[in-house]
Amino acid sequence: MSAGGRERRIFPRTGVYLRITYESGGELKSDFSENISRGGLFIATEERFVLGQRVSVELSVAGSAAKIPVGATVRWIGSQSPG
């Protein structure tokens, strides 16, 4: 949200729980998403990324063996999930 308390996102977020697999420091890591929209995806992780960093991720949907490869760019870093 902006300083005035208004939502600044163009696309609405939808709560979704997806397993996210990515590489960090040469190791394969796995975390979970909290929400997704047409413009982005929030991943709950303890990993340290840099704003603007490119990350290759794979999305896994519960009940499916399929993995969806996606290229991503880090656009926001915070200490906890947005409320």
Foldseek 3Di string as FASTA:
>chain_A
DDPVPDDDDPWDKDADWWWKWWDDPNDIDIFIWGIATPVGTHTDDPDDDDQQDKIWMWTHDPPDPDTHIDIDGHHDDDPGDDD
